[in-house]
Amino acid sequence: MQINGYNGYSAGLQGQTQAATARKGWGTAAGPTTDTAAVTDFLAEAKKTPAERIRDDWLARHKMTEDDLNAMPPEKREAMEKEFAEELKRKLTGQDAKRGAVMNLTA
C-alpha cells in the first residue's frame, strides 16, 4: 500500500533541514560558528578543581578578588585565609551539607 504525498513530505523536510543548516553555518567547510569568549570561559571553569571553585565562591561572597586579598595586611589576610581553609575543609569532607540538617527525634 502506498501513501500518497509521503515522498513529497520527506523531500520538503530534507530541503528545510538543508536550508536551516546553511543558515546556522553547520555543515559548511568552516564548521559551526561559536562565541569563542564563551567557549574559553566555559573551558576555564571546567578545568578548575573543586577547591578553586570553592575559593572563587568564597571570594565572591566576601565581595573580594585575589588582588584584594593580597593587598590586605598580613594579620587580616591570615585570618581570612584561616576562615577560608575551615570552609574548604567542611565542604570537601561533606560536613557543610550536614550543618543545619533537620532531624526527626519523635521515633
N, C-alpha and C. Protein backbone atom coordinates (compact mmCIF):
# COMPACT_ATOMS: atom_id res chain seq x y z
N MET A 1 0.84 -1.17 0.00
CA MET A 1 0.00 0.00 0.00
C MET A 1 0.89 1.24 0.00
N GLN A 2 0.61 2.17 -0.85
CA GLN A 2 1.41 3.37 -0.97
C GLN A 2 0.61 4.55 -0.43
N ILE A 3 1.29 5.39 0.35
CA ILE A 3 0.63 6.57 0.89
C ILE A 3 0.97 7.74 -0.01
N ASN A 4 -0.05 8.32 -0.57
CA ASN A 4 0.18 9.44 -1.47
C ASN A 4 0.66 10.67 -0.70
N GLY A 5 1.64 11.34 -1.26
CA GLY A 5 2.13 12.57 -0.66
C GLY A 5 3.29 12.38 0.29
N TYR A 6 3.61 11.15 0.66
CA TYR A 6 4.69 10.91 1.60
C TYR A 6 6.03 11.33 1.02
N ASN A 7 6.30 10.98 -0.24
CA ASN A 7 7.57 11.33 -0.86
C ASN A 7 7.75 12.85 -0.92
N GLY A 8 6.71 13.54 -1.21
CA GLY A 8 6.79 15.00 -1.25
C GLY A 8 7.07 15.58 0.13
N TYR A 9 6.49 14.97 1.15
CA TYR A 9 6.68 15.42 2.53
C TYR A 9 8.13 15.26 2.95
N SER A 10 8.73 14.09 2.69
CA SER A 10 10.12 13.85 3.10
C SER A 10 11.08 14.74 2.31
N ALA A 11 10.79 14.97 1.04
CA ALA A 11 11.64 15.85 0.24
C ALA A 11 11.57 17.28 0.77
N GLY A 12 10.39 17.70 1.20
CA GLY A 12 10.22 19.04 1.77
C GLY A 12 10.99 19.19 3.08
N LEU A 13 10.95 18.16 3.92
CA LEU A 13 11.70 18.19 5.18
C LEU A 13 13.20 18.26 4.92
N GLN A 14 13.66 17.48 3.95
CA GLN A 14 15.09 17.48 3.64
C GLN A 14 15.53 18.87 3.17
N GLY A 15 14.73 19.51 2.36
CA GLY A 15 15.05 20.85 1.89
C GLY A 15 15.09 21.85 3.04
N GLN A 16 14.15 21.72 3.98
CA GLN A 16 14.12 22.62 5.14
C GLN A 16 15.34 22.41 6.02
N THR A 17 15.73 21.16 6.20
CA THR A 17 16.89 20.85 7.03
C THR A 17 18.15 21.42 6.41
N GLN A 18 18.31 21.28 5.11
CA GLN A 18 19.49 21.82 4.44
C GLN A 18 19.52 23.33 4.53
N ALA A 19 18.38 23.98 4.40
CA ALA A 19 18.33 25.44 4.48
C ALA A 19 18.68 25.90 5.90
N ALA A 20 18.15 25.22 6.91
CA ALA A 20 18.44 25.59 8.29
C ALA A 20 19.91 25.37 8.60
N THR A 21 20.48 24.29 8.09
CA THR A 21 21.89 24.01 8.31
C THR A 21 22.75 25.10 7.69
N ALA A 22 22.41 25.51 6.51
CA ALA A 22 23.19 26.55 5.83
C ALA A 22 23.10 27.87 6.58
N ARG A 23 21.92 28.19 7.13
CA ARG A 23 21.76 29.45 7.88
C ARG A 23 22.60 29.46 9.14
N LYS A 24 22.68 28.36 9.84
CA LYS A 24 23.42 28.29 11.09
C LYS A 24 24.91 28.16 10.90
N GLY A 25 25.35 27.83 9.70
CA GLY A 25 26.78 27.66 9.48
C GLY A 25 27.25 26.24 9.70
N TRP A 26 26.34 25.34 10.04
CA TRP A 26 26.70 23.95 10.27
C TRP A 26 26.83 23.24 8.92
N GLY A 27 27.72 22.31 8.87
CA GLY A 27 27.86 21.50 7.68
C GLY A 27 28.67 22.17 6.59
N THR A 28 29.16 23.34 6.85
CA THR A 28 29.99 24.02 5.87
C THR A 28 31.44 23.69 6.14
N ALA A 29 32.30 24.05 5.23
CA ALA A 29 33.73 23.77 5.40
C ALA A 29 34.28 24.52 6.61
N ALA A 30 33.69 25.67 6.93
CA ALA A 30 34.17 26.46 8.05
C ALA A 30 33.75 25.86 9.39
N GLY A 31 32.77 24.99 9.39
CA GLY A 31 32.30 24.39 10.63
C GLY A 31 31.31 25.32 11.32
N PRO A 32 30.92 24.97 12.55
CA PRO A 32 29.93 25.77 13.25
C PRO A 32 30.51 27.11 13.71
N THR A 33 29.65 28.10 13.77
CA THR A 33 30.08 29.38 14.31
C THR A 33 29.93 29.31 15.82
N THR A 34 30.91 29.82 16.55
CA THR A 34 30.85 29.77 18.01
C THR A 34 31.29 31.10 18.57
N ASP A 35 30.86 31.37 19.77
CA ASP A 35 31.32 32.54 20.50
C ASP A 35 32.56 32.08 21.27
N THR A 36 33.71 32.42 20.76
CA THR A 36 34.94 31.89 21.34
C THR A 36 35.17 32.36 22.77
N ALA A 37 34.72 33.55 23.13
CA ALA A 37 34.89 34.02 24.50
C ALA A 37 34.08 33.14 25.46
N ALA A 38 32.86 32.79 25.09
CA ALA A 38 32.03 31.94 25.95
C ALA A 38 32.63 30.55 26.07
N VAL A 39 33.14 30.03 24.96
CA VAL A 39 33.76 28.70 24.99
C VAL A 39 35.00 28.72 25.87
N THR A 40 35.82 29.75 25.72
CA THR A 40 37.04 29.87 26.52
C THR A 40 36.71 29.98 28.00
N ASP A 41 35.71 30.78 28.35
CA ASP A 41 35.30 30.93 29.74
C ASP A 41 34.78 29.60 30.31
N PHE A 42 33.98 28.90 29.51
CA PHE A 42 33.45 27.61 29.95
C PHE A 42 34.57 26.62 30.21
N LEU A 43 35.50 26.53 29.28
CA LEU A 43 36.61 25.58 29.44
C LEU A 43 37.49 25.94 30.63
N ALA A 44 37.71 27.21 30.86
CA ALA A 44 38.50 27.63 32.03
C ALA A 44 37.80 27.22 33.31
N GLU A 45 36.48 27.39 33.37
CA GLU A 45 35.72 27.00 34.56
C GLU A 45 35.71 25.48 34.73
N ALA A 46 35.60 24.76 33.63
CA ALA A 46 35.55 23.30 33.69
C ALA A 46 36.88 22.69 34.15
N LYS A 47 37.97 23.38 33.91
CA LYS A 47 39.30 22.87 34.29
C LYS A 47 39.65 23.14 35.75
N LYS A 48 38.84 23.95 36.44
CA LYS A 48 39.13 24.27 37.83
C LYS A 48 38.90 23.07 38.72
N THR A 49 39.68 22.98 39.78
CA THR A 49 39.49 21.94 40.78
C THR A 49 38.34 22.35 41.70
N PRO A 50 37.79 21.41 42.45
CA PRO A 50 36.75 21.78 43.41
C PRO A 50 37.23 22.84 44.40
N ALA A 51 38.47 22.76 44.85
CA ALA A 51 39.00 23.75 45.79
C ALA A 51 39.04 25.13 45.15
N GLU A 52 39.41 25.21 43.88
CA GLU A 52 39.44 26.50 43.19
C GLU A 52 38.02 27.08 43.06
N ARG A 53 37.05 26.22 42.78
CA ARG A 53 35.67 26.69 42.67
C ARG A 53 35.15 27.19 44.01
N ILE A 54 35.48 26.46 45.07
CA ILE A 54 35.06 26.86 46.41
C ILE A 54 35.71 28.20 46.78
N ARG A 55 36.99 28.37 46.43
CA ARG A 55 37.68 29.63 46.73
C ARG A 55 37.05 30.78 45.95
N ASP A 56 36.75 30.58 44.69
CA ASP A 56 36.11 31.62 43.89
C ASP A 56 34.76 32.01 44.49
N ASP A 57 33.99 31.02 44.94
CA ASP A 57 32.70 31.26 45.56
C ASP A 57 32.88 32.03 46.87
N TRP A 58 33.85 31.63 47.66
CA TRP A 58 34.13 32.28 48.94
C TRP A 58 34.51 33.74 48.71
N LEU A 59 35.39 33.99 47.76
CA LEU A 59 35.80 35.36 47.45
C LEU A 59 34.61 36.20 46.98
N ALA A 60 33.76 35.62 46.14
CA ALA A 60 32.59 36.34 45.64
C ALA A 60 31.64 36.69 46.78
N ARG A 61 31.43 35.76 47.71
CA ARG A 61 30.54 36.04 48.84
C ARG A 61 31.09 37.14 49.75
N HIS A 62 32.42 37.26 49.79
CA HIS A 62 33.05 38.30 50.60
C HIS A 62 33.32 39.57 49.78
N LYS A 63 32.83 39.56 48.52
CA LYS A 63 33.00 40.70 47.61
C LYS A 63 34.46 41.10 47.50
N MET A 64 35.30 40.10 47.24
CA MET A 64 36.74 40.30 47.15
C MET A 64 37.30 39.63 45.92
N THR A 65 38.49 40.05 45.54
CA THR A 65 39.26 39.38 44.49
C THR A 65 40.56 38.90 45.12
N GLU A 66 41.31 38.12 44.38
CA GLU A 66 42.62 37.68 44.86
C GLU A 66 43.52 38.89 45.12
N ASP A 67 43.41 39.90 44.27
CA ASP A 67 44.22 41.11 44.46
C ASP A 67 43.86 41.83 45.75
N ASP A 68 42.55 41.88 46.06
CA ASP A 68 42.13 42.49 47.32
C ASP A 68 42.71 41.73 48.51
N LEU A 69 42.69 40.43 48.42
CA LEU A 69 43.21 39.60 49.50
C LEU A 69 44.72 39.79 49.64
N ASN A 70 45.43 39.87 48.54
CA ASN A 70 46.88 40.08 48.58
C ASN A 70 47.25 41.45 49.12
N ALA A 71 46.37 42.43 48.96
CA ALA A 71 46.65 43.79 49.42
C ALA A 71 46.39 43.98 50.91
N MET A 72 45.77 43.00 51.57
CA MET A 72 45.45 43.13 52.99
C MET A 72 46.72 43.08 53.84
N PRO A 73 46.64 43.67 55.04
CA PRO A 73 47.75 43.50 55.98
C PRO A 73 47.91 42.02 56.33
N PRO A 74 49.13 41.58 56.63
CA PRO A 74 49.37 40.15 56.87
C PRO A 74 48.46 39.51 57.92
N GLU A 75 48.17 40.23 59.01
CA GLU A 75 47.35 39.63 60.08
C GLU A 75 45.92 39.38 59.60
N LYS A 76 45.37 40.38 58.90
CA LYS A 76 43.99 40.24 58.42
C LYS A 76 43.91 39.18 57.32
N ARG A 77 44.91 39.15 56.45
CA ARG A 77 44.93 38.15 55.38
C ARG A 77 45.02 36.75 55.98
N GLU A 78 45.84 36.57 57.00
CA GLU A 78 45.98 35.27 57.65
C GLU A 78 44.65 34.82 58.25
N ALA A 79 43.93 35.76 58.87
CA ALA A 79 42.62 35.43 59.44
C ALA A 79 41.63 35.02 58.35
N MET A 80 41.65 35.75 57.24
CA MET A 80 40.75 35.42 56.13
C MET A 80 41.10 34.06 55.52
N GLU A 81 42.39 33.80 55.36
CA GLU A 81 42.82 32.51 54.81
C GLU A 81 42.43 31.36 55.74
N LYS A 82 42.51 31.60 57.05
CA LYS A 82 42.12 30.57 58.02
C LYS A 82 40.62 30.28 57.91
N GLU A 83 39.83 31.35 57.78
CA GLU A 83 38.38 31.19 57.61
C GLU A 83 38.08 30.40 56.34
N PHE A 84 38.79 30.73 55.26
CA PHE A 84 38.59 30.00 54.01
C PHE A 84 38.99 28.53 54.17
N ALA A 85 40.12 28.27 54.82
CA ALA A 85 40.59 26.89 54.99
C ALA A 85 39.57 26.05 55.76
N GLU A 86 38.94 26.66 56.77
CA GLU A 86 37.93 25.93 57.55
C GLU A 86 36.72 25.60 56.67
N GLU A 87 36.30 26.58 55.86
CA GLU A 87 35.16 26.33 54.97
C GLU A 87 35.51 25.27 53.93
N LEU A 88 36.70 25.35 53.39
CA LEU A 88 37.15 24.38 52.39
C LEU A 88 37.12 22.97 52.98
N LYS A 89 37.63 22.84 54.19
CA LYS A 89 37.64 21.53 54.85
C LYS A 89 36.23 21.00 55.05
N ARG A 90 35.31 21.88 55.51
CA ARG A 90 33.92 21.46 55.72
C ARG A 90 33.29 20.99 54.42
N LYS A 91 33.51 21.76 53.35
CA LYS A 91 32.86 21.42 52.09
C LYS A 91 33.45 20.17 51.45
N LEU A 92 34.76 20.01 51.52
CA LEU A 92 35.38 18.85 50.89
C LEU A 92 35.14 17.55 51.66
N THR A 93 34.89 17.66 52.97
CA THR A 93 34.61 16.46 53.75
C THR A 93 33.12 16.17 53.87
N GLY A 94 32.28 17.07 53.34
CA GLY A 94 30.84 16.85 53.39
C GLY A 94 30.20 17.34 54.67
N GLN A 95 30.97 17.93 55.56
CA GLN A 95 30.42 18.42 56.83
C GLN A 95 29.49 19.60 56.61
N ASP A 96 29.73 20.38 55.56
CA ASP A 96 28.92 21.56 55.28
C ASP A 96 27.47 21.17 54.98
N ALA A 97 27.27 20.04 54.32
CA ALA A 97 25.93 19.59 53.97
C ALA A 97 25.14 19.17 55.21
N LYS A 98 25.85 18.76 56.26
CA LYS A 98 25.18 18.30 57.48
C LYS A 98 24.79 19.45 58.40
N ARG A 99 25.39 20.62 58.20
CA ARG A 99 25.09 21.76 59.06
C ARG A 99 23.65 22.20 58.85
N GLY A 100 22.93 22.36 59.94
CA GLY A 100 21.56 22.85 59.86
C GLY A 100 20.55 21.81 59.41
N ALA A 101 20.95 20.55 59.37
CA ALA A 101 20.03 19.50 58.94
C ALA A 101 18.94 19.31 60.00
N VAL A 102 17.75 19.04 59.54
CA VAL A 102 16.63 18.81 60.45
C VAL A 102 16.54 17.32 60.72
N MET A 103 16.39 17.00 62.01
CA MET A 103 16.30 15.59 62.39
C MET A 103 14.94 15.34 63.05
N ASN A 104 14.35 14.20 62.76
CA ASN A 104 13.10 13.81 63.38
C ASN A 104 13.43 12.97 64.61
N LEU A 105 13.20 13.51 65.77
CA LEU A 105 13.52 12.82 67.02
C LEU A 105 12.31 12.19 67.68
N THR A 106 11.17 12.12 66.97
CA THR A 106 9.96 11.59 67.55
C THR A 106 9.88 10.07 67.50
N ALA A 107 10.71 9.44 66.76
CA ALA A 107 10.63 7.97 66.58
C ALA A 107 11.10 7.22 67.79
